[in-house]
Amino acid sequence: MSGSVLKASQKPRVIVGISGASGFSYGVQALRYLRQLDVETHLVISPAGHLNREHETTLTEADVADLADVVYPFRAVGAAIASGSFRTLGMLVAPCSMHTLAAVANGLTDNLLTRAADVVLKERRRLVMMVRETPLHAGHLRNMQQVTECGGIVFPPVPALYARPTSVEDIIAHSVARALGLLDLDCADLPRWGENMTLMTRSNNP
């Protein structure tokens, strides 16, 4: 895809943004998967993201930083990932708050997370946003449409119950693996309908 070609000797890079919606563990799982895939990760976390880390997990800021190759301050708008000349496969925002969605939809780039997302869009790279909110009002939906029209991918982390998850961790892992698949990254343990899962016989009932 345009703007995302890397030298053969260079590891692929992915930007991971963690914003203030509930679901901090989605971003953590993404970092773990990307490490397994030998992908270089560039991480930026919003202040509200860190607040959710404290409420939802037992991880410290240092624990999360250890999972990434490079960590940037939230306000460091002059960092490498703020420039289109810094080549990446794209960016995953996991989770994505409605505040971050609105900022990206309207080109507001006063912090590094939204600036990096804006750069990914302008360079025609993949931006995957795991939006977390319900119910949705018309403003949310308009922002989702606007991001999509700009080339972004809105990917709510909807549980795939056909995979028969047995834990919250299974649900999170499946959603994150699907999201990374949109960056052309293949998580080998992802249950795939019709490939490594048995198809169910279709019932005559609607």
N, C-alpha and C. Protein backbone atom coordinates (compact mmCIF):
# COMPACT_ATOMS: atom_id res chain seq x y z
N MET A 1 0.84 -1.19 0.00
CA MET A 1 0.00 0.00 0.00
C MET A 1 0.88 1.24 0.00
N SER A 2 0.37 2.35 -0.48
CA SER A 2 1.16 3.57 -0.61
C SER A 2 1.67 4.05 0.73
N GLY A 3 2.96 4.45 0.76
CA GLY A 3 3.52 5.07 1.95
C GLY A 3 3.91 4.13 3.05
N SER A 4 3.82 2.81 2.86
CA SER A 4 4.09 1.89 3.97
C SER A 4 5.18 0.88 3.66
N VAL A 5 5.95 1.10 2.57
CA VAL A 5 6.99 0.15 2.20
C VAL A 5 8.20 0.35 3.09
N LEU A 6 8.72 -0.74 3.65
CA LEU A 6 9.89 -0.68 4.50
C LEU A 6 11.04 -1.41 3.82
N LYS A 7 12.26 -1.04 4.18
CA LYS A 7 13.42 -1.75 3.66
C LYS A 7 13.38 -3.20 4.11
N ALA A 8 13.92 -4.09 3.28
CA ALA A 8 13.86 -5.52 3.58
C ALA A 8 14.52 -5.85 4.91
N SER A 9 15.56 -5.09 5.27
CA SER A 9 16.31 -5.37 6.50
C SER A 9 15.68 -4.74 7.73
N GLN A 10 14.65 -3.98 7.56
CA GLN A 10 14.04 -3.24 8.66
C GLN A 10 12.79 -3.94 9.17
N LYS A 11 12.69 -4.04 10.49
CA LYS A 11 11.49 -4.64 11.07
C LYS A 11 10.27 -3.79 10.75
N PRO A 12 9.13 -4.43 10.52
CA PRO A 12 7.90 -3.64 10.35
C PRO A 12 7.57 -2.89 11.64
N ARG A 13 6.97 -1.73 11.48
CA ARG A 13 6.62 -0.89 12.62
C ARG A 13 5.12 -0.68 12.66
N VAL A 14 4.57 -0.66 13.86
CA VAL A 14 3.17 -0.33 14.07
C VAL A 14 3.08 0.65 15.23
N ILE A 15 2.27 1.67 15.05
CA ILE A 15 1.98 2.61 16.14
C ILE A 15 0.78 2.08 16.92
N VAL A 16 0.89 2.07 18.22
CA VAL A 16 -0.23 1.67 19.09
C VAL A 16 -0.61 2.86 19.95
N GLY A 17 -1.86 3.28 19.83
CA GLY A 17 -2.39 4.32 20.70
C GLY A 17 -3.39 3.72 21.67
N ILE A 18 -3.28 4.12 22.93
CA ILE A 18 -4.25 3.68 23.94
C ILE A 18 -4.90 4.94 24.50
N SER A 19 -6.20 5.10 24.25
CA SER A 19 -6.89 6.30 24.72
C SER A 19 -7.81 5.95 25.89
N GLY A 20 -8.69 6.88 26.23
CA GLY A 20 -9.37 6.80 27.52
C GLY A 20 -10.65 6.01 27.60
N ALA A 21 -11.00 5.24 26.59
CA ALA A 21 -12.19 4.40 26.70
C ALA A 21 -11.89 3.19 27.59
N SER A 22 -12.95 2.60 28.14
CA SER A 22 -12.78 1.37 28.90
C SER A 22 -12.25 0.28 27.98
N GLY A 23 -11.31 -0.51 28.50
CA GLY A 23 -10.73 -1.58 27.70
C GLY A 23 -9.24 -1.45 27.51
N PHE A 24 -8.54 -1.00 28.53
CA PHE A 24 -7.09 -0.84 28.45
C PHE A 24 -6.40 -2.13 28.01
N SER A 25 -6.97 -3.26 28.38
CA SER A 25 -6.35 -4.55 28.07
C SER A 25 -6.30 -4.84 26.58
N TYR A 26 -7.15 -4.17 25.79
CA TYR A 26 -7.05 -4.36 24.33
C TYR A 26 -5.69 -3.88 23.83
N GLY A 27 -5.27 -2.73 24.31
CA GLY A 27 -3.96 -2.21 23.91
C GLY A 27 -2.83 -3.07 24.41
N VAL A 28 -2.94 -3.57 25.62
CA VAL A 28 -1.91 -4.45 26.18
C VAL A 28 -1.78 -5.72 25.35
N GLN A 29 -2.91 -6.32 25.00
CA GLN A 29 -2.88 -7.54 24.20
C GLN A 29 -2.28 -7.26 22.82
N ALA A 30 -2.57 -6.10 22.26
CA ALA A 30 -1.99 -5.75 20.97
C ALA A 30 -0.47 -5.70 21.06
N LEU A 31 0.06 -5.09 22.11
CA LEU A 31 1.50 -5.03 22.29
C LEU A 31 2.10 -6.43 22.43
N ARG A 32 1.41 -7.30 23.13
CA ARG A 32 1.91 -8.68 23.30
C ARG A 32 1.92 -9.43 21.98
N TYR A 33 0.85 -9.31 21.23
CA TYR A 33 0.80 -9.97 19.92
C TYR A 33 1.88 -9.43 18.99
N LEU A 34 2.05 -8.12 18.97
CA LEU A 34 3.02 -7.52 18.07
C LEU A 34 4.44 -7.95 18.42
N ARG A 35 4.70 -8.13 19.70
CA ARG A 35 6.03 -8.64 20.09
C ARG A 35 6.21 -10.07 19.58
N GLN A 36 5.17 -10.89 19.71
CA GLN A 36 5.25 -12.27 19.18
C GLN A 36 5.51 -12.27 17.67
N LEU A 37 4.96 -11.28 16.98
CA LEU A 37 5.10 -11.20 15.53
C LEU A 37 6.38 -10.49 15.10
N ASP A 38 7.20 -10.10 16.06
CA ASP A 38 8.47 -9.41 15.79
C ASP A 38 8.24 -8.09 15.05
N VAL A 39 7.22 -7.37 15.48
CA VAL A 39 6.91 -6.06 14.93
C VAL A 39 7.37 -5.00 15.92
N GLU A 40 8.03 -3.98 15.43
CA GLU A 40 8.50 -2.88 16.27
C GLU A 40 7.32 -1.99 16.64
N THR A 41 7.12 -1.77 17.94
CA THR A 41 5.95 -1.02 18.40
C THR A 41 6.33 0.36 18.92
N HIS A 42 5.49 1.33 18.56
CA HIS A 42 5.67 2.72 18.97
C HIS A 42 4.39 3.13 19.69
N LEU A 43 4.51 3.34 20.99
CA LEU A 43 3.34 3.45 21.88
C LEU A 43 3.15 4.87 22.38
N VAL A 44 1.88 5.31 22.36
CA VAL A 44 1.51 6.57 23.01
C VAL A 44 0.19 6.35 23.74
N ILE A 45 0.13 6.79 24.99
CA ILE A 45 -1.03 6.58 25.85
C ILE A 45 -1.52 7.93 26.36
N SER A 46 -2.83 8.13 26.30
CA SER A 46 -3.41 9.38 26.80
C SER A 46 -3.48 9.36 28.33
N PRO A 47 -3.58 10.52 28.96
CA PRO A 47 -3.75 10.56 30.43
C PRO A 47 -4.97 9.76 30.88
N ALA A 48 -6.09 9.86 30.15
CA ALA A 48 -7.28 9.08 30.51
C ALA A 48 -7.03 7.59 30.32
N GLY A 49 -6.18 7.24 29.35
CA GLY A 49 -5.81 5.84 29.18
C GLY A 49 -5.09 5.32 30.41
N HIS A 50 -4.18 6.12 30.95
CA HIS A 50 -3.47 5.70 32.16
C HIS A 50 -4.44 5.59 33.34
N LEU A 51 -5.43 6.47 33.39
CA LEU A 51 -6.42 6.38 34.46
C LEU A 51 -7.17 5.05 34.39
N ASN A 52 -7.53 4.62 33.19
CA ASN A 52 -8.20 3.33 33.04
C ASN A 52 -7.27 2.18 33.35
N ARG A 53 -5.99 2.34 33.04
CA ARG A 53 -5.02 1.29 33.42
C ARG A 53 -5.07 1.06 34.93
N GLU A 54 -5.13 2.15 35.69
CA GLU A 54 -5.16 2.04 37.14
C GLU A 54 -6.45 1.40 37.64
N HIS A 55 -7.57 1.71 36.99
CA HIS A 55 -8.87 1.19 37.42
C HIS A 55 -9.09 -0.24 36.98
N GLU A 56 -8.60 -0.62 35.81
CA GLU A 56 -8.98 -1.88 35.18
C GLU A 56 -7.93 -2.98 35.26
N THR A 57 -6.69 -2.62 35.58
CA THR A 57 -5.62 -3.62 35.59
C THR A 57 -4.75 -3.45 36.83
N THR A 58 -3.85 -4.38 37.01
CA THR A 58 -2.85 -4.27 38.08
C THR A 58 -1.50 -3.85 37.51
N LEU A 59 -1.45 -3.46 36.25
CA LEU A 59 -0.21 -3.09 35.59
C LEU A 59 0.23 -1.69 35.98
N THR A 60 1.52 -1.52 36.12
CA THR A 60 2.08 -0.19 36.33
C THR A 60 2.41 0.43 34.97
N GLU A 61 2.68 1.72 34.98
CA GLU A 61 3.08 2.38 33.74
C GLU A 61 4.34 1.73 33.17
N ALA A 62 5.27 1.36 34.07
CA ALA A 62 6.51 0.71 33.63
C ALA A 62 6.25 -0.67 33.03
N ASP A 63 5.28 -1.40 33.59
CA ASP A 63 4.94 -2.72 33.04
C ASP A 63 4.51 -2.60 31.58
N VAL A 64 3.69 -1.61 31.28
CA VAL A 64 3.20 -1.42 29.92
C VAL A 64 4.32 -0.95 29.01
N ALA A 65 5.12 -0.03 29.51
CA ALA A 65 6.24 0.48 28.71
C ALA A 65 7.19 -0.64 28.31
N ASP A 66 7.36 -1.62 29.18
CA ASP A 66 8.26 -2.74 28.88
C ASP A 66 7.77 -3.58 27.71
N LEU A 67 6.49 -3.50 27.38
CA LEU A 67 5.94 -4.28 26.28
C LEU A 67 6.18 -3.62 24.92
N ALA A 68 6.56 -2.35 24.91
CA ALA A 68 6.74 -1.60 23.67
C ALA A 68 8.22 -1.38 23.39
N ASP A 69 8.53 -1.16 22.13
CA ASP A 69 9.91 -0.84 21.75
C ASP A 69 10.23 0.63 22.01
N VAL A 70 9.29 1.50 21.71
CA VAL A 70 9.47 2.94 21.93
C VAL A 70 8.19 3.49 22.55
N VAL A 71 8.34 4.31 23.59
CA VAL A 71 7.19 4.95 24.24
C VAL A 71 7.38 6.46 24.16
N TYR A 72 6.30 7.16 23.79
CA TYR A 72 6.36 8.61 23.62
C TYR A 72 5.46 9.31 24.62
N PRO A 73 5.88 10.49 25.10
CA PRO A 73 4.98 11.30 25.91
C PRO A 73 3.78 11.76 25.08
N PHE A 74 2.66 11.89 25.72
CA PHE A 74 1.40 12.21 25.05
C PHE A 74 1.45 13.54 24.32
N ARG A 75 2.20 14.50 24.84
CA ARG A 75 2.24 15.84 24.24
C ARG A 75 3.44 16.05 23.32
N ALA A 76 4.19 15.01 23.03
CA ALA A 76 5.42 15.14 22.23
C ALA A 76 5.09 15.18 20.75
N VAL A 77 4.48 16.28 20.30
CA VAL A 77 3.99 16.35 18.93
C VAL A 77 5.12 16.46 17.91
N GLY A 78 6.37 16.58 18.38
CA GLY A 78 7.50 16.58 17.47
C GLY A 78 8.19 15.24 17.37
N ALA A 79 7.58 14.20 17.90
CA ALA A 79 8.18 12.86 17.91
C ALA A 79 8.17 12.26 16.51
N ALA A 80 8.91 11.16 16.35
CA ALA A 80 9.05 10.52 15.04
C ALA A 80 7.71 10.17 14.41
N ILE A 81 6.79 9.62 15.20
CA ILE A 81 5.51 9.16 14.64
C ILE A 81 4.59 10.30 14.24
N ALA A 82 5.01 11.54 14.49
CA ALA A 82 4.24 12.70 14.06
C ALA A 82 4.59 13.12 12.64
N SER A 83 5.49 12.40 12.01
CA SER A 83 5.92 12.74 10.65
C SER A 83 5.59 11.62 9.67
N GLY A 84 5.11 12.00 8.50
CA GLY A 84 4.82 11.01 7.48
C GLY A 84 6.06 10.35 6.92
N SER A 85 7.23 10.98 7.09
CA SER A 85 8.47 10.37 6.58
C SER A 85 8.92 9.19 7.43
N PHE A 86 8.34 9.03 8.62
CA PHE A 86 8.62 7.88 9.47
C PHE A 86 7.69 6.76 9.04
N ARG A 87 8.26 5.74 8.40
CA ARG A 87 7.44 4.72 7.74
C ARG A 87 6.94 3.66 8.72
N THR A 88 5.66 3.36 8.63
CA THR A 88 5.03 2.33 9.46
C THR A 88 4.03 1.55 8.61
N LEU A 89 3.59 0.41 9.15
CA LEU A 89 2.48 -0.31 8.52
C LEU A 89 1.15 0.39 8.77
N GLY A 90 1.10 1.16 9.84
CA GLY A 90 -0.14 1.84 10.20
C GLY A 90 -0.24 1.99 11.70
N MET A 91 -1.46 2.17 12.17
CA MET A 91 -1.70 2.46 13.58
C MET A 91 -2.97 1.76 14.06
N LEU A 92 -2.89 1.27 15.29
CA LEU A 92 -4.04 0.70 15.98
C LEU A 92 -4.31 1.54 17.21
N VAL A 93 -5.55 2.02 17.35
CA VAL A 93 -5.96 2.72 18.57
C VAL A 93 -6.86 1.77 19.34
N ALA A 94 -6.35 1.30 20.49
CA ALA A 94 -7.03 0.22 21.21
C ALA A 94 -6.90 0.42 22.72
N PRO A 95 -7.99 0.83 23.37
CA PRO A 95 -9.28 1.21 22.81
C PRO A 95 -9.27 2.64 22.30
N CYS A 96 -10.32 3.00 21.58
CA CYS A 96 -10.47 4.35 21.04
C CYS A 96 -11.67 5.01 21.70
N SER A 97 -11.43 6.10 22.40
CA SER A 97 -12.52 6.84 23.04
C SER A 97 -13.28 7.67 22.02
N MET A 98 -14.46 8.10 22.36
CA MET A 98 -15.22 8.99 21.50
C MET A 98 -14.52 10.35 21.36
N HIS A 99 -13.79 10.77 22.37
CA HIS A 99 -13.01 12.00 22.29
C HIS A 99 -11.93 11.88 21.22
N THR A 100 -11.20 10.78 21.24
CA THR A 100 -10.15 10.57 20.23
C THR A 100 -10.75 10.41 18.84
N LEU A 101 -11.84 9.66 18.74
CA LEU A 101 -12.52 9.51 17.46
C LEU A 101 -12.91 10.87 16.89
N ALA A 102 -13.52 11.71 17.72
CA ALA A 102 -13.97 13.03 17.27
C ALA A 102 -12.79 13.88 16.82
N ALA A 103 -11.70 13.83 17.56
CA ALA A 103 -10.52 14.62 17.20
C ALA A 103 -9.96 14.18 15.86
N VAL A 104 -9.84 12.88 15.65
CA VAL A 104 -9.29 12.38 14.39
C VAL A 104 -10.25 12.68 13.24
N ALA A 105 -11.54 12.52 13.48
CA ALA A 105 -12.54 12.78 12.44
C ALA A 105 -12.49 14.23 11.97
N ASN A 106 -12.10 15.13 12.86
CA ASN A 106 -12.12 16.55 12.53
C ASN A 106 -10.73 17.16 12.40
N GLY A 107 -9.71 16.31 12.31
CA GLY A 107 -8.35 16.78 12.07
C GLY A 107 -7.74 17.58 13.19
N LEU A 108 -8.15 17.32 14.44
CA LEU A 108 -7.61 18.03 15.60
C LEU A 108 -6.39 17.28 16.12
N THR A 109 -5.23 17.92 16.04
CA THR A 109 -3.98 17.18 16.30
C THR A 109 -3.13 17.88 17.36
N ASP A 110 -3.74 18.17 18.51
CA ASP A 110 -3.01 18.90 19.54
C ASP A 110 -2.27 17.98 20.51
N ASN A 111 -2.28 16.67 20.25
CA ASN A 111 -1.49 15.73 21.04
C ASN A 111 -0.91 14.68 20.09
N LEU A 112 0.03 13.89 20.60
CA LEU A 112 0.73 12.97 19.71
C LEU A 112 -0.15 11.83 19.23
N LEU A 113 -1.09 11.39 20.04
CA LEU A 113 -1.94 10.27 19.62
C LEU A 113 -2.78 10.67 18.40
N THR A 114 -3.44 11.82 18.48
CA THR A 114 -4.28 12.23 17.35
C THR A 114 -3.44 12.71 16.17
N ARG A 115 -2.27 13.29 16.44
CA ARG A 115 -1.38 13.69 15.35
C ARG A 115 -0.89 12.46 14.59
N ALA A 116 -0.48 11.43 15.31
CA ALA A 116 -0.01 10.21 14.65
C ALA A 116 -1.12 9.59 13.81
N ALA A 117 -2.33 9.58 14.34
CA ALA A 117 -3.46 9.03 13.58
C ALA A 117 -3.72 9.85 12.33
N ASP A 118 -3.64 11.17 12.44
CA ASP A 118 -3.85 12.04 11.30
C ASP A 118 -2.79 11.80 10.23
N VAL A 119 -1.56 11.59 10.66
CA VAL A 119 -0.47 11.31 9.72
C VAL A 119 -0.71 10.00 8.99
N VAL A 120 -1.14 8.99 9.72
CA VAL A 120 -1.43 7.70 9.09
C VAL A 120 -2.48 7.86 8.00
N LEU A 121 -3.51 8.64 8.27
CA LEU A 121 -4.56 8.86 7.27
C LEU A 121 -4.02 9.62 6.06
N LYS A 122 -3.27 10.68 6.29
CA LYS A 122 -2.81 11.49 5.17
C LYS A 122 -1.80 10.74 4.31
N GLU A 123 -1.07 9.80 4.90
CA GLU A 123 -0.10 9.00 4.15
C GLU A 123 -0.74 7.78 3.51
N ARG A 124 -2.05 7.63 3.66
CA ARG A 124 -2.80 6.52 3.09
C ARG A 124 -2.35 5.17 3.65
N ARG A 125 -2.04 5.17 4.94
CA ARG A 125 -1.73 3.94 5.64
C ARG A 125 -2.97 3.49 6.41
N ARG A 126 -2.89 2.34 7.04
CA ARG A 126 -4.05 1.79 7.74
C ARG A 126 -4.17 2.36 9.15
N LEU A 127 -5.35 2.87 9.44
CA LEU A 127 -5.69 3.31 10.79
C LEU A 127 -6.88 2.49 11.25
N VAL A 128 -6.69 1.70 12.31
CA VAL A 128 -7.75 0.86 12.86
C VAL A 128 -8.09 1.38 14.25
N MET A 129 -9.37 1.71 14.45
CA MET A 129 -9.81 2.33 15.70
C MET A 129 -10.82 1.43 16.39
N MET A 130 -10.42 0.86 17.52
CA MET A 130 -11.29 -0.02 18.29
C MET A 130 -12.15 0.84 19.22
N VAL A 131 -13.22 1.39 18.64
CA VAL A 131 -14.06 2.35 19.38
C VAL A 131 -14.88 1.63 20.45
N ARG A 132 -14.99 2.28 21.61
CA ARG A 132 -15.67 1.68 22.75
C ARG A 132 -16.68 2.68 23.31
N GLU A 133 -17.93 2.47 22.95
CA GLU A 133 -19.01 3.28 23.52
C GLU A 133 -20.33 2.64 23.18
N THR A 134 -21.30 2.80 24.05
CA THR A 134 -22.66 2.36 23.76
C THR A 134 -23.58 2.96 24.83
N PRO A 135 -24.78 3.37 24.44
CA PRO A 135 -25.29 3.50 23.08
C PRO A 135 -24.61 4.67 22.37
N LEU A 136 -24.89 4.80 21.07
CA LEU A 136 -24.26 5.82 20.25
C LEU A 136 -25.27 6.89 19.87
N HIS A 137 -24.86 8.16 19.96
CA HIS A 137 -25.75 9.21 19.46
C HIS A 137 -25.30 9.62 18.05
N ALA A 138 -26.05 10.51 17.43
CA ALA A 138 -25.81 10.85 16.03
C ALA A 138 -24.41 11.43 15.80
N GLY A 139 -23.92 12.18 16.78
CA GLY A 139 -22.58 12.75 16.65
C GLY A 139 -21.50 11.68 16.57
N HIS A 140 -21.63 10.63 17.40
CA HIS A 140 -20.69 9.51 17.33
C HIS A 140 -20.72 8.88 15.94
N LEU A 141 -21.92 8.65 15.46
CA LEU A 141 -22.07 7.98 14.16
C LEU A 141 -21.52 8.83 13.03
N ARG A 142 -21.73 10.14 13.10
CA ARG A 142 -21.19 11.03 12.07
C ARG A 142 -19.66 11.01 12.08
N ASN A 143 -19.08 10.98 13.27
CA ASN A 143 -17.62 10.92 13.37
C ASN A 143 -17.08 9.60 12.82
N MET A 144 -17.78 8.50 13.09
CA MET A 144 -17.37 7.21 12.53
C MET A 144 -17.42 7.25 11.00
N GLN A 145 -18.49 7.84 10.47
CA GLN A 145 -18.60 7.94 9.01
C GLN A 145 -17.48 8.80 8.44
N GLN A 146 -17.18 9.91 9.11
CA GLN A 146 -16.16 10.82 8.60
C GLN A 146 -14.78 10.16 8.61
N VAL A 147 -14.45 9.45 9.68
CA VAL A 147 -13.17 8.73 9.73
C VAL A 147 -13.10 7.69 8.62
N THR A 148 -14.20 6.97 8.41
CA THR A 148 -14.24 5.95 7.37
C THR A 148 -14.04 6.58 5.99
N GLU A 149 -14.67 7.72 5.75
CA GLU A 149 -14.52 8.40 4.47
C GLU A 149 -13.09 8.90 4.25
N CYS A 150 -12.36 9.13 5.35
CA CYS A 150 -10.96 9.55 5.26
C CYS A 150 -10.01 8.37 5.10
N GLY A 151 -10.54 7.15 5.16
CA GLY A 151 -9.72 5.97 4.96
C GLY A 151 -9.47 5.14 6.20
N GLY A 152 -9.97 5.59 7.36
CA GLY A 152 -9.81 4.82 8.59
C GLY A 152 -10.77 3.65 8.66
N ILE A 153 -10.49 2.74 9.57
CA ILE A 153 -11.34 1.56 9.78
C ILE A 153 -11.85 1.60 11.21
N VAL A 154 -13.17 1.67 11.35
CA VAL A 154 -13.81 1.65 12.66
C VAL A 154 -14.07 0.20 13.02
N PHE A 155 -13.47 -0.26 14.11
CA PHE A 155 -13.54 -1.68 14.48
C PHE A 155 -13.95 -1.81 15.95
N PRO A 156 -15.24 -1.76 16.26
CA PRO A 156 -15.67 -2.00 17.64
C PRO A 156 -15.29 -3.42 18.07
N PRO A 157 -14.77 -3.59 19.27
CA PRO A 157 -14.37 -4.93 19.72
C PRO A 157 -15.59 -5.76 20.14
N VAL A 158 -16.31 -6.24 19.15
CA VAL A 158 -17.52 -7.03 19.39
C VAL A 158 -17.12 -8.49 19.63
N PRO A 159 -17.59 -9.11 20.72
CA PRO A 159 -17.20 -10.50 21.00
C PRO A 159 -17.65 -11.45 19.89
N ALA A 160 -16.76 -12.35 19.51
CA ALA A 160 -17.09 -13.37 18.51
C ALA A 160 -17.46 -14.65 19.27
N LEU A 161 -18.72 -14.79 19.58
CA LEU A 161 -19.15 -15.91 20.41
C LEU A 161 -19.07 -17.24 19.69
N TYR A 162 -19.02 -17.22 18.34
CA TYR A 162 -18.87 -18.47 17.60
C TYR A 162 -17.54 -19.15 17.90
N ALA A 163 -16.56 -18.37 18.41
CA ALA A 163 -15.26 -18.95 18.76
C ALA A 163 -15.30 -19.63 20.13
N ARG A 164 -16.45 -19.56 20.79
CA ARG A 164 -16.67 -20.19 22.09
C ARG A 164 -15.59 -19.82 23.11
N PRO A 165 -15.45 -18.53 23.39
CA PRO A 165 -14.46 -18.11 24.38
C PRO A 165 -14.82 -18.63 25.76
N THR A 166 -13.78 -18.92 26.54
CA THR A 166 -13.99 -19.44 27.90
C THR A 166 -13.55 -18.44 28.96
N SER A 167 -13.09 -17.27 28.54
CA SER A 167 -12.64 -16.26 29.50
C SER A 167 -12.70 -14.89 28.85
N VAL A 168 -12.63 -13.87 29.69
CA VAL A 168 -12.55 -12.49 29.19
C VAL A 168 -11.30 -12.33 28.34
N GLU A 169 -10.21 -12.96 28.76
CA GLU A 169 -8.95 -12.88 28.01
C GLU A 169 -9.11 -13.43 26.60
N ASP A 170 -9.87 -14.51 26.45
CA ASP A 170 -10.12 -15.07 25.11
C ASP A 170 -10.87 -14.06 24.23
N ILE A 171 -11.85 -13.40 24.80
CA ILE A 171 -12.64 -12.42 24.05
C ILE A 171 -11.75 -11.26 23.59
N ILE A 172 -10.93 -10.76 24.51
CA ILE A 172 -10.03 -9.65 24.19
C ILE A 172 -9.03 -10.07 23.12
N ALA A 173 -8.44 -11.24 23.29
CA ALA A 173 -7.42 -11.71 22.35
C ALA A 173 -7.99 -11.86 20.94
N HIS A 174 -9.20 -12.39 20.84
CA HIS A 174 -9.81 -12.59 19.52
C HIS A 174 -10.06 -11.26 18.83
N SER A 175 -10.61 -10.29 19.55
CA SER A 175 -10.87 -8.98 18.95
C SER A 175 -9.58 -8.31 18.49
N VAL A 176 -8.55 -8.37 19.31
CA VAL A 176 -7.28 -7.74 18.96
C VAL A 176 -6.64 -8.42 17.76
N ALA A 177 -6.69 -9.74 17.73
CA ALA A 177 -6.14 -10.47 16.58
C ALA A 177 -6.85 -10.09 15.30
N ARG A 178 -8.17 -9.95 15.37
CA ARG A 178 -8.94 -9.52 14.19
C ARG A 178 -8.52 -8.11 13.77
N ALA A 179 -8.34 -7.23 14.73
CA ALA A 179 -7.96 -5.85 14.41
C ALA A 179 -6.57 -5.81 13.77
N LEU A 180 -5.64 -6.59 14.29
CA LEU A 180 -4.30 -6.62 13.71
C LEU A 180 -4.31 -7.22 12.31
N GLY A 181 -5.27 -8.12 12.06
CA GLY A 181 -5.41 -8.68 10.73
C GLY A 181 -5.70 -7.59 9.70
N LEU A 182 -6.33 -6.50 10.12
CA LEU A 182 -6.62 -5.39 9.22
C LEU A 182 -5.37 -4.60 8.87
N LEU A 183 -4.28 -4.85 9.60
CA LEU A 183 -2.97 -4.30 9.27
C LEU A 183 -2.12 -5.32 8.52
N ASP A 184 -2.78 -6.38 8.05
CA ASP A 184 -2.10 -7.48 7.33
C ASP A 184 -1.11 -8.22 8.21
N LEU A 185 -1.43 -8.33 9.49
CA LEU A 185 -0.61 -9.08 10.43
C LEU A 185 -1.41 -10.29 10.90
N ASP A 186 -0.80 -11.45 10.83
CA ASP A 186 -1.52 -12.70 11.07
C ASP A 186 -1.15 -13.29 12.42
N CYS A 187 -2.11 -13.30 13.34
CA CYS A 187 -1.93 -13.97 14.63
C CYS A 187 -2.32 -15.43 14.45
N ALA A 188 -1.37 -16.33 14.56
CA ALA A 188 -1.56 -17.73 14.18
C ALA A 188 -2.65 -18.42 14.97
N ASP A 189 -2.87 -18.01 16.23
CA ASP A 189 -3.84 -18.71 17.06
C ASP A 189 -5.25 -18.15 16.95
N LEU A 190 -5.50 -17.28 15.96
CA LEU A 190 -6.84 -16.72 15.79
C LEU A 190 -7.79 -17.76 15.21
N PRO A 191 -8.88 -18.08 15.92
CA PRO A 191 -9.87 -19.00 15.34
C PRO A 191 -10.53 -18.37 14.13
N ARG A 192 -10.49 -19.06 12.99
CA ARG A 192 -11.04 -18.52 11.75
C ARG A 192 -12.18 -19.40 11.27
N TRP A 193 -13.32 -18.77 11.03
CA TRP A 193 -14.51 -19.47 10.58
C TRP A 193 -14.25 -20.12 9.22
N GLY A 194 -14.46 -21.42 9.15
CA GLY A 194 -14.29 -22.12 7.89
C GLY A 194 -12.86 -22.55 7.61
N GLU A 195 -11.91 -22.20 8.48
CA GLU A 195 -10.52 -22.60 8.29
C GLU A 195 -10.08 -23.56 9.39
N ASN A 196 -9.91 -23.02 10.61
CA ASN A 196 -9.52 -23.89 11.72
C ASN A 196 -10.65 -24.08 12.72
N MET A 197 -11.89 -23.81 12.28
CA MET A 197 -13.08 -24.07 13.09
C MET A 197 -14.04 -24.91 12.27
N THR A 198 -14.76 -25.81 12.93
CA THR A 198 -15.74 -26.63 12.26
C THR A 198 -16.99 -25.82 11.97
N LEU A 199 -17.42 -25.84 10.72
CA LEU A 199 -18.65 -25.14 10.36
C LEU A 199 -19.85 -25.86 10.92
N MET A 200 -20.79 -25.09 11.44
CA MET A 200 -22.02 -25.68 11.95
C MET A 200 -22.98 -25.93 10.79
N THR A 201 -23.78 -26.97 10.91
CA THR A 201 -24.81 -27.24 9.90
C THR A 201 -25.89 -26.20 10.01
N ARG A 202 -26.26 -25.61 8.90
CA ARG A 202 -27.28 -24.56 8.92
C ARG A 202 -28.64 -25.16 9.24
N SER A 203 -29.32 -24.51 10.17
CA SER A 203 -30.65 -24.95 10.55
C SER A 203 -31.68 -24.46 9.52
N ASN A 204 -32.79 -25.18 9.42
CA ASN A 204 -33.88 -24.75 8.55
C ASN A 204 -34.64 -23.57 9.16
N ASN A 205 -34.41 -23.36 10.46
CA ASN A 205 -35.13 -22.29 11.14
C ASN A 205 -34.45 -20.94 10.85
N PRO A 206 -35.21 -19.86 10.70
CA PRO A 206 -34.62 -18.54 10.45
C PRO A 206 -33.90 -18.04 11.71
